Amino acid sequence: MSGYGSNNKYSFSGGPASAAQSISYEIPLTLCVLSISHVIRWNMNLSPFL
């Protein structure tokens, strides 16, 4: 919304840059959380056989 009020020609590039930054942060974070939960679940399923 701040891009509409200012007369700066670069004001509209802040929105997509912010979205790209949050996406590039959240995708690896999600993959890490899913892989850790997968390893924990795999180890819990394997424990009766040990």
Protein backbone atom coordinates (compact mmCIF):
# COMPACT_ATOMS: atom_id res chain seq x y z
CA MET A 1 0.00 0.00 0.00
CA SER A 2 2.91 2.35 0.57
CA GLY A 3 3.83 2.12 -3.10
CA TYR A 4 0.69 4.02 -4.09
CA GLY A 5 1.43 6.97 -1.84
CA SER A 6 5.05 7.59 -2.78
CA ASN A 7 6.30 8.94 -6.08
CA ASN A 8 9.30 6.63 -6.16
CA LYS A 9 9.55 4.48 -9.28
CA TYR A 10 11.16 1.64 -7.27
CA SER A 11 8.45 1.55 -4.62
CA PHE A 12 6.58 -1.35 -6.22
CA SER A 13 9.64 -3.63 -6.22
CA GLY A 14 9.54 -3.91 -2.42
CA GLY A 15 6.43 -6.06 -2.34
CA PRO A 16 7.64 -8.84 -4.64
CA ALA A 17 11.08 -8.72 -3.05
CA SER A 18 9.55 -9.21 0.38
CA ALA A 19 7.37 -12.05 -0.88
CA ALA A 20 10.33 -13.75 -2.54
CA GLN A 21 12.37 -13.42 0.64
CA SER A 22 9.68 -14.99 2.80
CA ILE A 23 9.11 -17.80 0.30
CA SER A 24 12.83 -18.55 0.05
CA TYR A 25 12.95 -18.73 3.85
CA GLU A 26 9.83 -20.83 4.37
CA ILE A 27 10.46 -23.54 1.78
CA PRO A 28 13.75 -24.81 3.29
CA LEU A 29 12.31 -24.44 6.79
CA THR A 30 9.30 -26.56 5.84
CA LEU A 31 11.52 -29.19 4.23
CA CYS A 32 13.70 -29.37 7.34
CA VAL A 33 10.73 -29.75 9.68
CA LEU A 34 9.16 -32.42 7.48
CA SER A 35 12.39 -34.38 7.18
CA ILE A 36 13.01 -34.27 10.93
CA SER A 37 9.47 -35.43 11.66
CA HIS A 38 9.85 -38.19 9.08
CA VAL A 39 13.08 -39.43 10.69
CA ILE A 40 11.51 -39.36 14.16
CA ARG A 41 8.45 -41.27 12.94
CA TRP A 42 10.66 -43.82 11.14
CA ASN A 43 12.73 -44.36 14.30
CA MET A 44 9.62 -44.80 16.42
CA ASN A 45 8.23 -47.41 14.03
CA LEU A 46 11.56 -49.24 14.04
CA SER A 47 11.92 -49.38 17.83
CA PRO A 48 9.89 -52.63 18.45
CA PHE A 49 12.34 -54.51 16.24
CA LEU A 50 15.45 -53.48 18.17
